[in-house]
Amino acid sequence: MTEKYAIEATGLTKIYGSGDAEVIALDHVDLAVARGRFTAIMGPSGSGKSTFMHCAAGLDRPTSGEVRLGGTPLSGLRDNDLTDLRRERVGFVFQSFNLLPTLTALENITLPLDLAGRRPDRELLDRLVGTLGIEGRLGHRPNQLSGGQQQRVACARALVTGPDVVFADEPTGALDSEMSAQLLGFLRESVTELGQTIVVVTHDPGVAEYTDEIVRLADGRVTGKAAL
């Protein structure tokens, strides 16, 4: 893979079950995601978009084909190596936030670094919490934060490691229109200002106006790719 791409999938296939119960979730998908771009993976339920994210992020292994993430082929990595790669080089923004209730906002943000035995980049950390407007909430636990504040903490956690790519799984699904716009605006800014690579898996057409390109999936296949 050249340095041009953050993710490159070749012949990516994922099959669940066998015989009459066989389901082809991904069907020989070829897809490259450029570095420093905001890409939306869109499609109806069952199109394969979440399966693509799981395989591209190293959360699930494909049945066949290859994924390279940040230049690293995932197929040859052992489970422990995949865990290390996800921790150090991949960020996740989940719809349900996935914050640990016993940790403060700051501790949740720096958790991936703590697990990797790394110190935070103070300049990046300060910039993230400042841009997200959560400087005054860092000592609070999740149950003391609003839903929007929890989502911003989750975003900071995903970005604080300086990952090769951030995956956001239906990030606007639990948010109202105002909070969705704030979140997407921040993700857009992280691409424009920080050079981050963002991949959003979504069925929300309103996401499109914030992205650089849209990839459409249907029945496990890429049916279209358009730059915006």
Protein backbone atom coordinates (compact mmCIF):
# COMPACT_ATOMS: atom_id res chain seq x y z
CA MET A 1 0.00 0.00 0.00
CA THR A 2 1.21 3.47 -0.76
CA GLU A 3 1.21 6.28 1.78
CA LYS A 4 -1.77 7.69 -0.09
CA TYR A 5 -4.18 5.35 1.67
CA ALA A 6 -5.13 4.88 5.31
CA ILE A 7 -7.14 1.75 4.49
CA GLU A 8 -7.00 -0.55 1.51
CA ALA A 9 -9.31 -3.55 1.19
CA THR A 10 -8.76 -6.07 -1.59
CA GLY A 11 -11.20 -8.85 -2.37
CA LEU A 12 -12.68 -8.48 1.10
CA THR A 13 -15.23 -11.22 1.73
CA LYS A 14 -17.07 -12.15 4.92
CA ILE A 15 -19.42 -15.14 5.10
CA TYR A 16 -21.45 -16.11 8.14
CA GLY A 17 -22.90 -19.60 8.55
CA SER A 18 -22.88 -22.35 5.95
CA GLY A 19 -25.22 -24.28 3.69
CA ASP A 20 -28.77 -22.99 3.70
CA ALA A 21 -27.89 -20.62 6.55
CA GLU A 22 -25.01 -18.99 4.69
CA VAL A 23 -25.03 -15.20 4.60
CA ILE A 24 -22.55 -13.28 2.44
CA ALA A 25 -22.07 -10.03 4.35
CA LEU A 26 -19.20 -8.77 2.15
CA ASP A 27 -18.72 -9.96 -1.41
CA HIS A 28 -15.22 -9.30 -2.80
CA VAL A 29 -15.07 -5.65 -1.81
CA ASP A 30 -12.22 -3.56 -3.22
CA LEU A 31 -12.03 -0.19 -1.52
CA ALA A 32 -9.28 2.31 -0.71
CA VAL A 33 -9.74 5.16 1.77
CA ALA A 34 -7.36 8.07 1.29
CA ARG A 35 -5.46 9.62 4.18
CA GLY A 36 -6.69 12.90 5.58
CA ARG A 37 -10.20 12.45 4.21
CA PHE A 38 -13.68 12.23 5.70
CA THR A 39 -15.41 9.21 4.17
CA ALA A 40 -18.97 8.03 4.77
CA ILE A 41 -19.87 4.38 4.24
CA MET A 42 -23.61 4.34 3.58
CA GLY A 43 -26.23 1.74 2.81
CA PRO A 44 -29.42 0.17 4.12
CA SER A 45 -29.54 -2.29 7.00
CA GLY A 46 -27.85 -5.51 5.93
CA SER A 47 -25.76 -3.84 3.23
CA GLY A 48 -22.47 -4.84 4.87
CA LYS A 49 -21.34 -1.43 6.05
CA SER A 50 -20.85 -2.42 9.71
CA THR A 51 -19.15 -5.66 8.69
CA PHE A 52 -16.77 -3.65 6.52
CA MET A 53 -15.92 -1.41 9.46
CA HIS A 54 -15.32 -4.39 11.76
CA CYS A 55 -12.99 -6.04 9.25
CA ALA A 56 -11.19 -2.81 8.31
CA ALA A 57 -10.62 -1.96 11.98
CA GLY A 58 -9.35 -5.41 12.89
CA LEU A 59 -12.36 -6.18 15.09
CA ASP A 60 -13.31 -9.16 12.94
CA ARG A 61 -11.38 -11.33 10.51
CA PRO A 62 -12.63 -11.67 6.94
CA THR A 63 -13.31 -15.03 5.36
CA SER A 64 -10.99 -14.09 2.52
CA GLY A 65 -9.29 -11.05 1.06
CA GLU A 66 -6.95 -8.57 2.71
CA VAL A 67 -7.08 -5.34 4.64
CA ARG A 68 -4.10 -3.05 5.04
CA LEU A 69 -4.37 -0.43 7.73
CA GLY A 70 -1.72 2.27 7.83
CA GLY A 71 0.42 0.08 5.58
CA THR A 72 0.09 -3.01 7.79
CA PRO A 73 -1.60 -6.16 6.43
CA LEU A 74 -3.97 -7.44 9.11
CA SER A 75 -4.28 -11.05 7.97
CA GLY A 76 -0.90 -12.12 9.34
CA LEU A 77 -1.31 -10.56 12.78
CA ARG A 78 -1.97 -12.63 15.87
CA ASP A 79 -4.84 -11.66 18.15
CA ASN A 80 -2.51 -9.91 20.62
CA ASP A 81 -0.89 -7.95 17.79
CA LEU A 82 -4.32 -6.94 16.47
CA THR A 83 -5.25 -5.72 19.95
CA ASP A 84 -2.09 -3.61 20.12
CA LEU A 85 -2.72 -2.20 16.65
CA ARG A 86 -6.30 -1.21 17.48
CA ARG A 87 -5.22 0.40 20.74
CA GLU A 88 -2.41 2.45 19.24
CA ARG A 89 -3.47 3.17 15.67
CA VAL A 90 -7.26 3.08 15.51
CA GLY A 91 -9.81 5.36 17.17
CA PHE A 92 -13.46 4.48 17.68
CA VAL A 93 -16.52 6.65 18.25
CA PHE A 94 -19.46 4.48 19.22
CA GLN A 95 -23.13 5.41 19.20
CA SER A 96 -23.42 4.39 22.87
CA PHE A 97 -20.29 6.37 23.93
CA ASN A 98 -18.79 3.36 25.85
CA LEU A 99 -17.34 5.52 28.63
CA LEU A 100 -16.27 3.81 31.86
CA PRO A 101 -18.54 5.09 34.65
CA THR A 102 -15.89 4.96 37.41
CA LEU A 103 -13.41 7.14 35.50
CA THR A 104 -13.43 10.90 35.10
CA ALA A 105 -13.78 12.48 31.68
CA LEU A 106 -10.01 13.05 31.53
CA GLU A 107 -9.29 9.47 32.58
CA ASN A 108 -11.68 8.17 29.92
CA ILE A 109 -9.97 10.31 27.29
CA THR A 110 -6.46 9.14 28.17
CA LEU A 111 -7.41 5.49 28.78
CA PRO A 112 -6.08 4.22 25.41
CA LEU A 113 -2.74 5.91 26.12
CA ASP A 114 -2.62 4.50 29.64
CA LEU A 115 -3.25 0.98 28.33
CA ALA A 116 -0.47 1.43 25.78
CA GLY A 117 1.94 2.83 28.39
CA ARG A 118 2.18 6.16 26.59
CA ARG A 119 2.09 9.71 27.91
CA PRO A 120 -0.43 12.10 26.36
CA ASP A 121 0.73 14.73 23.92
CA ARG A 122 -0.29 17.72 26.04
CA GLU A 123 -0.56 20.07 23.07
CA LEU A 124 -2.90 17.70 21.24
CA LEU A 125 -4.88 16.93 24.40
CA ASP A 126 -5.34 20.60 25.23
CA ARG A 127 -6.36 21.36 21.67
CA LEU A 128 -8.94 18.55 21.64
CA VAL A 129 -10.61 19.45 24.92
CA GLY A 130 -10.52 23.14 24.02
CA THR A 131 -12.07 22.61 20.60
CA LEU A 132 -14.71 20.35 22.11
CA GLY A 133 -15.45 22.79 24.93
CA ILE A 134 -15.03 20.30 27.77
CA GLU A 135 -12.12 21.91 29.67
CA GLY A 136 -14.33 22.54 32.68
CA ARG A 137 -15.74 19.00 32.77
CA LEU A 138 -12.58 16.90 32.84
CA GLY A 139 -12.92 16.02 36.53
CA HIS A 140 -16.53 14.84 36.17
CA ARG A 141 -17.65 11.24 35.75
CA PRO A 142 -19.98 10.25 32.87
CA ASN A 143 -23.14 10.35 35.02
CA GLN A 144 -22.36 14.01 35.74
CA LEU A 145 -22.18 14.89 32.04
CA SER A 146 -24.91 15.56 29.51
CA GLY A 147 -25.28 13.27 26.52
CA GLY A 148 -23.56 15.82 24.30
CA GLN A 149 -20.66 16.17 26.73
CA GLN A 150 -20.27 12.39 26.90
CA GLN A 151 -20.16 12.24 23.11
CA ARG A 152 -17.46 14.91 23.00
CA VAL A 153 -15.41 12.99 25.59
CA ALA A 154 -15.76 9.91 23.39
CA CYS A 155 -14.52 11.91 20.39
CA ALA A 156 -11.50 13.19 22.31
CA ARG A 157 -10.68 9.63 23.41
CA ALA A 158 -10.79 8.46 19.79
CA LEU A 159 -8.45 11.21 18.61
CA VAL A 160 -5.98 11.57 21.49
CA THR A 161 -3.70 8.76 20.31
CA GLY A 162 -3.20 10.39 16.90
CA PRO A 163 -4.54 7.25 15.17
CA ASP A 164 -4.12 6.31 11.52
CA VAL A 165 -7.90 6.32 11.20
CA VAL A 166 -10.97 6.99 13.34
CA PHE A 167 -14.06 4.86 12.78
CA ALA A 168 -17.41 6.31 13.85
CA ASP A 169 -20.26 3.78 13.99
CA GLU A 170 -23.63 5.53 13.54
CA PRO A 171 -22.32 8.40 15.69
CA THR A 172 -25.43 10.56 15.25
CA GLY A 173 -27.95 7.79 15.93
CA ALA A 174 -28.61 8.78 19.55
CA LEU A 175 -28.29 12.54 19.09
CA ASP A 176 -30.75 15.28 18.24
CA SER A 177 -30.17 17.45 15.17
CA GLU A 178 -28.25 20.16 17.03
CA MET A 179 -25.89 17.72 18.76
CA SER A 180 -25.43 15.79 15.51
CA ALA A 181 -24.36 18.97 13.73
CA GLN A 182 -21.90 19.79 16.52
CA LEU A 183 -20.37 16.31 16.43
CA LEU A 184 -20.08 16.19 12.65
CA GLY A 185 -18.67 19.69 12.60
CA PHE A 186 -15.95 18.64 15.01
CA LEU A 187 -15.13 15.52 13.00
CA ARG A 188 -14.95 17.72 9.89
CA GLU A 189 -12.60 20.09 11.70
CA SER A 190 -10.38 17.22 12.84
CA VAL A 191 -9.90 16.30 9.19
CA THR A 192 -9.34 19.86 7.99
CA GLU A 193 -7.21 21.12 10.88
CA LEU A 194 -5.49 17.95 12.18
CA GLY A 195 -5.23 15.93 8.96
CA GLN A 196 -7.14 13.08 10.60
CA THR A 197 -8.70 10.27 8.57
CA ILE A 198 -12.34 9.67 9.50
CA VAL A 199 -14.60 6.83 8.33
CA VAL A 200 -18.24 7.14 9.35
CA VAL A 201 -20.61 4.19 8.98
CA THR A 202 -24.12 5.61 8.77
CA HIS A 203 -27.54 5.51 7.19
CA ASP A 204 -28.09 9.22 7.94
CA PRO A 205 -28.10 11.23 4.67
CA GLY A 206 -27.42 14.42 6.62
CA VAL A 207 -23.87 13.23 7.22
CA ALA A 208 -23.03 13.69 3.55
CA GLU A 209 -22.63 17.47 3.65
CA TYR A 210 -19.71 17.13 6.08
CA THR A 211 -17.75 14.48 4.17
CA ASP A 212 -15.28 14.41 1.30
CA GLU A 213 -16.70 11.27 -0.28
CA ILE A 214 -19.50 8.74 0.06
CA VAL A 215 -19.14 5.02 -0.56
CA ARG A 216 -22.42 3.16 -1.01
CA LEU A 217 -22.85 -0.52 -0.21
CA ALA A 218 -25.71 -2.87 -1.04
CA ASP A 219 -25.84 -6.63 -0.57
CA GLY A 220 -22.20 -6.70 0.50
CA ARG A 221 -20.88 -4.95 -2.61
CA VAL A 222 -19.73 -1.44 -3.44
CA THR A 223 -22.40 0.09 -5.66
CA GLY A 224 -21.03 3.60 -5.89
CA LYS A 225 -18.32 6.01 -4.78
CA ALA A 226 -18.62 9.75 -5.18
CA ALA A 227 -16.38 12.65 -4.19
CA LEU A 228 -18.22 15.67 -2.80
